[in-house]
Protein backbone atom coordinates (compact mmCIF):
# COMPACT_ATOMS: atom_id res chain seq x y z
CA UNK A 1 35.31 -25.30 -35.45
CA UNK A 2 36.99 -24.78 -32.20
CA UNK A 3 37.95 -21.19 -33.04
CA UNK A 4 34.37 -20.48 -34.06
CA UNK A 5 33.19 -21.73 -30.67
CA UNK A 6 35.67 -19.43 -28.88
CA UNK A 7 34.74 -16.48 -30.96
CA UNK A 8 30.89 -17.22 -30.25
CA UNK A 9 31.66 -17.59 -26.61
CA UNK A 10 33.58 -14.26 -26.37
CA UNK A 11 30.87 -12.52 -28.45
CA UNK A 12 28.14 -13.92 -26.14
CA UNK A 13 30.19 -12.89 -22.94
CA UNK A 14 30.57 -9.23 -24.39
CA UNK A 15 26.82 -9.11 -25.15
CA UNK A 16 25.98 -10.20 -21.62
CA UNK A 17 28.39 -7.61 -20.16
CA UNK A 18 26.91 -4.81 -22.36
CA UNK A 19 23.35 -6.05 -21.56
CA UNK A 20 24.22 -5.89 -17.83
CA UNK A 21 25.61 -2.36 -18.11
CA UNK A 22 22.54 -1.11 -19.91
CA UNK A 23 20.24 -2.58 -17.49
CA UNK A 24 22.23 -1.01 -14.72
CA UNK A 25 21.93 2.42 -16.46
CA UNK A 26 18.23 1.87 -16.86
CA UNK A 27 17.76 0.87 -13.15
CA UNK A 28 19.75 3.81 -12.09
CA UNK A 29 17.80 6.14 -14.20
CA UNK A 30 14.48 4.82 -12.88
CA UNK A 31 15.75 5.64 -9.42
CA UNK A 32 16.79 9.09 -10.31
CA UNK A 33 13.25 9.75 -11.60
CA UNK A 34 12.03 9.64 -8.16
CA UNK A 35 12.26 12.42 -5.67
CA UNK A 36 12.22 12.24 -1.78
CA UNK A 37 9.06 13.85 -0.29
CA UNK A 38 8.66 14.73 3.49
CA UNK A 39 5.48 13.47 4.87
CA UNK A 40 3.19 13.28 7.91
CA UNK A 41 0.21 11.22 9.11
CA UNK A 42 -2.18 12.82 11.54
CA UNK A 43 -4.39 10.42 13.41
CA UNK A 44 -7.35 11.20 15.72
CA UNK A 45 -6.46 12.31 19.29
CA UNK A 46 -5.57 9.46 21.49
CA UNK A 47 -4.06 7.27 18.72
CA UNK A 48 -0.26 6.69 18.30
CA UNK A 49 1.42 8.02 15.06
CA UNK A 50 4.53 6.18 15.56
CA UNK A 51 5.37 2.87 13.61
CA UNK A 52 2.87 3.45 10.75
CA UNK A 53 4.16 1.84 7.62
CA UNK A 54 4.25 3.79 4.32
CA UNK A 55 5.00 1.24 1.61
CA UNK A 56 5.70 2.16 -2.02
CA UNK A 57 4.05 -0.55 -4.06
CA UNK A 58 5.81 0.48 -7.12
CA UNK A 59 9.38 0.21 -5.63
CA UNK A 60 8.93 -2.02 -2.70
CA UNK A 61 10.57 0.73 -0.58
CA UNK A 62 9.25 1.76 2.77
CA UNK A 63 9.32 4.12 5.65
CA UNK A 64 8.13 4.08 9.23
CA UNK A 65 6.61 7.14 10.97
CA UNK A 66 8.38 8.62 13.99
CA UNK A 67 6.50 9.46 17.23
CA UNK A 68 5.33 12.65 15.50
CA UNK A 69 3.92 10.79 12.61
CA UNK A 70 6.65 12.18 10.15
CA UNK A 71 8.36 10.11 7.37
CA UNK A 72 10.32 10.50 4.22
CA UNK A 73 10.04 8.41 1.11
CA UNK A 74 11.18 8.52 -2.65
CA UNK A 75 8.20 8.77 -4.98
CA UNK A 76 7.32 9.71 -8.52
CA UNK A 77 4.03 10.61 -10.29
CA UNK A 78 1.27 7.97 -10.03
CA UNK A 79 3.17 5.79 -7.53
CA UNK A 80 0.89 4.02 -4.97
CA UNK A 81 1.64 4.21 -1.31
CA UNK A 82 0.01 1.63 0.94
CA UNK A 83 -0.54 3.01 4.57
CA UNK A 84 -0.69 0.32 7.30
CA UNK A 85 -1.49 0.95 10.82
CA UNK A 86 -2.56 -1.52 13.53
CA UNK A 87 -5.69 0.45 14.54
CA UNK A 88 -7.07 1.48 11.18
CA UNK A 89 -8.02 -0.09 7.90
CA UNK A 90 -5.33 -0.04 5.36
CA UNK A 91 -5.54 2.50 2.50
CA UNK A 92 -3.61 3.59 -0.65
CA UNK A 93 -2.47 7.07 -1.53
CA UNK A 94 -1.90 7.88 -5.27
CA UNK A 95 0.93 10.31 -5.79
CA UNK A 96 -0.19 13.47 -8.01
CA UNK A 97 1.63 16.43 -9.31
CA UNK A 98 0.95 18.46 -6.17
CA UNK A 99 3.09 15.97 -4.06
CA UNK A 100 5.96 16.10 -6.49
CA UNK A 101 5.95 19.95 -6.82
CA UNK A 102 5.56 20.74 -3.16
CA UNK A 103 7.77 17.81 -1.92
CA UNK A 104 5.21 17.13 0.84
CA UNK A 105 2.54 14.62 1.63
CA UNK A 106 0.39 15.35 4.61
CA UNK A 107 -2.35 12.61 5.31
CA UNK A 108 -5.19 13.29 7.90
CA UNK A 109 -7.04 10.19 9.05
CA UNK A 110 -10.62 10.58 9.99
CA UNK A 111 -12.26 7.71 11.86
CA UNK A 112 -15.55 6.30 10.43
CA UNK A 113 -17.74 3.34 11.68
CA UNK A 114 -18.20 1.32 8.56
CA UNK A 115 -15.32 -0.62 6.89
CA UNK A 116 -15.12 0.45 3.23
CA UNK A 117 -14.43 -2.25 0.48
CA UNK A 118 -11.38 -0.33 -0.69
CA UNK A 119 -9.78 2.93 0.21
CA UNK A 120 -7.85 4.62 -2.46
CA UNK A 121 -7.28 8.49 -2.41
CA UNK A 122 -5.30 11.18 -3.87
CA UNK A 123 -4.37 14.75 -2.58
CA UNK A 124 -7.22 17.26 -2.86
CA UNK A 125 -4.98 20.26 -3.51
CA UNK A 126 -1.57 21.25 -4.89
CA UNK A 127 0.06 21.22 -1.33
CA UNK A 128 0.00 17.50 -1.05
CA UNK A 129 -2.86 17.30 1.61
CA UNK A 130 -4.87 14.10 1.80
CA UNK A 131 -7.97 13.33 3.90
CA UNK A 132 -8.76 9.77 4.52
CA UNK A 133 -11.90 8.09 5.97
CA UNK A 134 -10.71 4.85 7.48
CA UNK A 135 -12.57 2.42 9.79
CA UNK A 136 -11.12 1.61 13.23
CA UNK A 137 -10.18 -1.96 13.76
CA UNK A 138 -10.34 -3.30 17.36
CA UNK A 139 -6.92 -3.81 18.89
CA UNK A 140 -6.33 -6.70 21.32
CA UNK A 141 -3.21 -6.40 23.14
CA UNK A 142 -1.23 -9.76 23.47
CA UNK A 143 -0.25 -10.74 27.05
CA UNK A 144 3.37 -9.96 28.02
CA UNK A 145 4.28 -13.68 28.12
CA UNK A 146 2.34 -15.04 25.26
CA UNK A 147 3.17 -18.52 24.43
CA UNK A 148 2.59 -20.45 21.10
CA UNK A 149 0.12 -22.65 22.79
CA UNK A 150 -1.86 -19.67 24.02
CA UNK A 151 -1.75 -18.22 20.53
CA UNK A 152 -3.17 -21.67 19.11
CA UNK A 153 -5.87 -21.82 21.62
CA UNK A 154 -6.88 -18.29 20.97
CA UNK A 155 -7.25 -18.98 17.19
CA UNK A 156 -7.56 -22.61 16.60
CA UNK A 157 -8.74 -24.56 19.55
CA UNK A 158 -12.47 -23.55 19.52
CA UNK A 159 -14.50 -25.24 16.97
CA UNK A 160 -17.63 -23.37 17.97
CA UNK A 161 -16.05 -19.83 17.88
CA UNK A 162 -15.24 -17.94 14.81
CA UNK A 163 -12.86 -19.69 12.34
CA UNK A 164 -9.99 -17.60 11.31
CA UNK A 165 -8.84 -20.38 9.03
CA UNK A 166 -11.79 -19.74 6.74
CA UNK A 167 -12.78 -16.50 4.85
CA UNK A 168 -13.46 -13.59 7.15
CA UNK A 169 -17.25 -13.06 7.72
CA UNK A 170 -16.85 -9.44 7.00
CA UNK A 171 -16.83 -9.16 3.29
CA UNK A 172 -15.63 -5.65 3.28
CA UNK A 173 -12.54 -6.65 5.18
CA UNK A 174 -12.05 -9.60 2.57
CA UNK A 175 -12.48 -7.34 -0.38
CA UNK A 176 -9.96 -4.77 0.98
CA UNK A 177 -7.48 -7.78 1.49
CA UNK A 178 -6.71 -6.40 4.95
CA UNK A 179 -3.94 -8.37 6.75
CA UNK A 180 -5.46 -7.32 10.22
CA UNK A 181 -7.86 -9.33 12.17
CA UNK A 182 -8.92 -7.96 15.68
CA UNK A 183 -5.90 -5.63 15.55
CA UNK A 184 -3.41 -8.50 15.28
CA UNK A 185 -1.57 -9.14 12.09
CA UNK A 186 -3.11 -12.61 11.56
CA UNK A 187 -1.47 -13.49 8.15
CA UNK A 188 2.01 -12.33 9.16
CA UNK A 189 1.92 -14.29 12.52
CA UNK A 190 0.36 -17.43 11.30
CA UNK A 191 1.13 -17.38 7.59
CA UNK A 192 1.28 -21.13 6.45
CA UNK A 193 1.88 -21.85 10.14
CA UNK A 194 0.34 -24.62 12.34
CA UNK A 195 1.21 -23.55 15.93
CA UNK A 196 0.95 -27.07 17.19
CA UNK A 197 4.06 -27.94 15.09
CA UNK A 198 6.10 -25.26 16.76
CA UNK A 199 4.74 -25.37 20.22
CA UNK A 200 7.56 -27.72 21.51
CA UNK A 201 10.39 -25.96 19.83
CA UNK A 202 12.58 -23.75 22.10
CA UNK A 203 14.58 -20.97 20.35
CA UNK A 204 18.27 -21.60 20.91
CA UNK A 205 20.87 -19.29 19.34
CA UNK A 206 23.14 -22.21 19.14
CA UNK A 207 20.65 -24.55 17.63
CA UNK A 208 21.64 -26.60 14.48
CA UNK A 209 18.00 -26.38 13.17
CA UNK A 210 17.74 -25.23 9.52
CA UNK A 211 16.42 -21.72 10.57
CA UNK A 212 19.02 -21.09 13.23
CA UNK A 213 20.64 -18.35 11.19
CA UNK A 214 17.32 -16.54 10.66
CA UNK A 215 18.46 -13.70 12.80
CA UNK A 216 21.48 -13.27 10.44
CA UNK A 217 19.32 -13.26 7.35
CA UNK A 218 17.03 -10.44 8.64
CA UNK A 219 19.96 -8.42 9.83
CA UNK A 220 21.57 -8.82 6.45
CA UNK A 221 18.32 -7.79 4.82
CA UNK A 222 17.58 -4.66 6.75
CA UNK A 223 20.79 -3.81 8.76
CA UNK A 224 21.13 -3.05 12.39
CA UNK A 225 20.14 0.70 11.80
CA UNK A 226 16.67 -0.60 10.91
CA UNK A 227 16.14 -2.09 14.24
CA UNK A 228 17.58 0.72 16.10
CA UNK A 229 16.14 3.61 14.25
CA UNK A 230 12.70 2.22 13.18
CA UNK A 231 11.75 -0.26 15.86
CA UNK A 232 13.74 1.36 18.66
CA UNK A 233 15.52 -1.94 19.50
CA UNK A 234 18.99 -1.35 20.97
CA UNK A 235 21.88 -3.08 19.34
CA UNK A 236 22.65 -5.55 22.08
CA UNK A 237 18.93 -6.70 22.03
CA UNK A 238 18.52 -7.12 18.24
CA UNK A 239 19.33 -10.97 18.23
CA UNK A 240 17.20 -11.46 21.27
CA UNK A 241 14.32 -9.58 19.56
CA UNK A 242 14.57 -11.69 16.51
CA UNK A 243 14.44 -14.97 18.56
CA UNK A 244 11.33 -13.45 20.26
CA UNK A 245 9.83 -12.76 16.87
CA UNK A 246 10.66 -16.20 15.53
CA UNK A 247 8.95 -17.76 18.61
CA UNK A 248 5.88 -15.57 17.92
CA UNK A 249 5.39 -17.01 14.37
CA UNK A 250 8.16 -15.72 12.17
CA UNK A 251 8.38 -17.79 9.18
CA UNK A 252 11.04 -18.40 6.43
CA UNK A 253 8.60 -17.52 3.76
CA UNK A 254 8.50 -13.97 5.05
CA UNK A 255 12.20 -13.67 3.89
CA UNK A 256 11.28 -14.30 0.29
CA UNK A 257 10.87 -11.63 -2.35
CA UNK A 258 7.53 -10.29 -2.51
CA UNK A 259 6.70 -10.63 1.13
CA UNK A 260 8.68 -7.53 2.34
CA UNK A 261 5.54 -5.67 3.51
CA UNK A 262 4.41 -8.69 5.43
CA UNK A 263 7.70 -9.00 7.30
CA UNK A 264 7.88 -5.39 8.04
CA UNK A 265 4.36 -5.37 9.45
CA UNK A 266 5.11 -8.37 11.44
CA UNK A 267 8.39 -7.00 12.99
CA UNK A 268 6.81 -3.67 13.89
CA UNK A 269 3.97 -5.41 15.70
CA UNK A 270 6.31 -7.82 17.49
CA UNK A 271 8.62 -5.00 18.48
CA UNK A 272 5.85 -3.40 20.45
CA UNK A 273 5.15 -6.58 22.22
CA UNK A 274 8.93 -7.20 22.78
CA UNK A 275 9.34 -3.84 24.48
CA UNK A 276 6.20 -4.31 26.58
CA UNK A 277 7.47 -7.64 27.79
CA UNK A 278 10.98 -6.23 28.59
CA UNK A 279 9.69 -3.24 30.44
CA UNK A 280 7.57 -5.68 32.67
CA UNK A 281 10.68 -7.58 33.57
């Protein structure tokens, strides 16, 4: 009976190893099916092209545009790319044969007045060109030294003003599941967050609080290159920036699988505020 158990255990172990190898090959094959395409996002004159998020919903991979609005990302036929910019309504681009064959994806954003329920587009020619009609969202810049209590009073203190804890009054925004409210990434900054519970907490890099190593977790997730190349945060300021983001509403839930896009959007927005604050010092 003992020998039968050993044989069964060894057989099961071999089965698991073989299964793991097969799954590894399948995962690698799926990755090889995708090809890297060069893209650009052209926005109306006067708007910034840098820091726009291009997120592949199928692979959870992402790219950020450079100051010229250029990016590169791996895709395959029928992949869905979600484009997120602070000043415009989110929209989705479906990858077609033209993009795959040309290796290019050029997106031209036209500003419109009315917010559409949902914006899903595909290239209109074989060269990978896309024209998108997207509504502009009002952008409110945060003050350079914006505290948690100020953020609380802005969104939660007034009972007579608009309630951002309830459903948005704009049904088109609700239907599009946009994460932007008045140009500020509301869900990312305040996701499951009661500002009052954090207003007395001071970020200390030597703190023994449970989330004291949150900077290590994020740097391990994305690497220092992400902060330097995509957010333009110098190496010596990375930890300081993460503490800044944490004080501005960074939550542990954003580090969980499935919340990658929320975390990226949050970090992009906070990097702008952080650099603005540093330049004012």
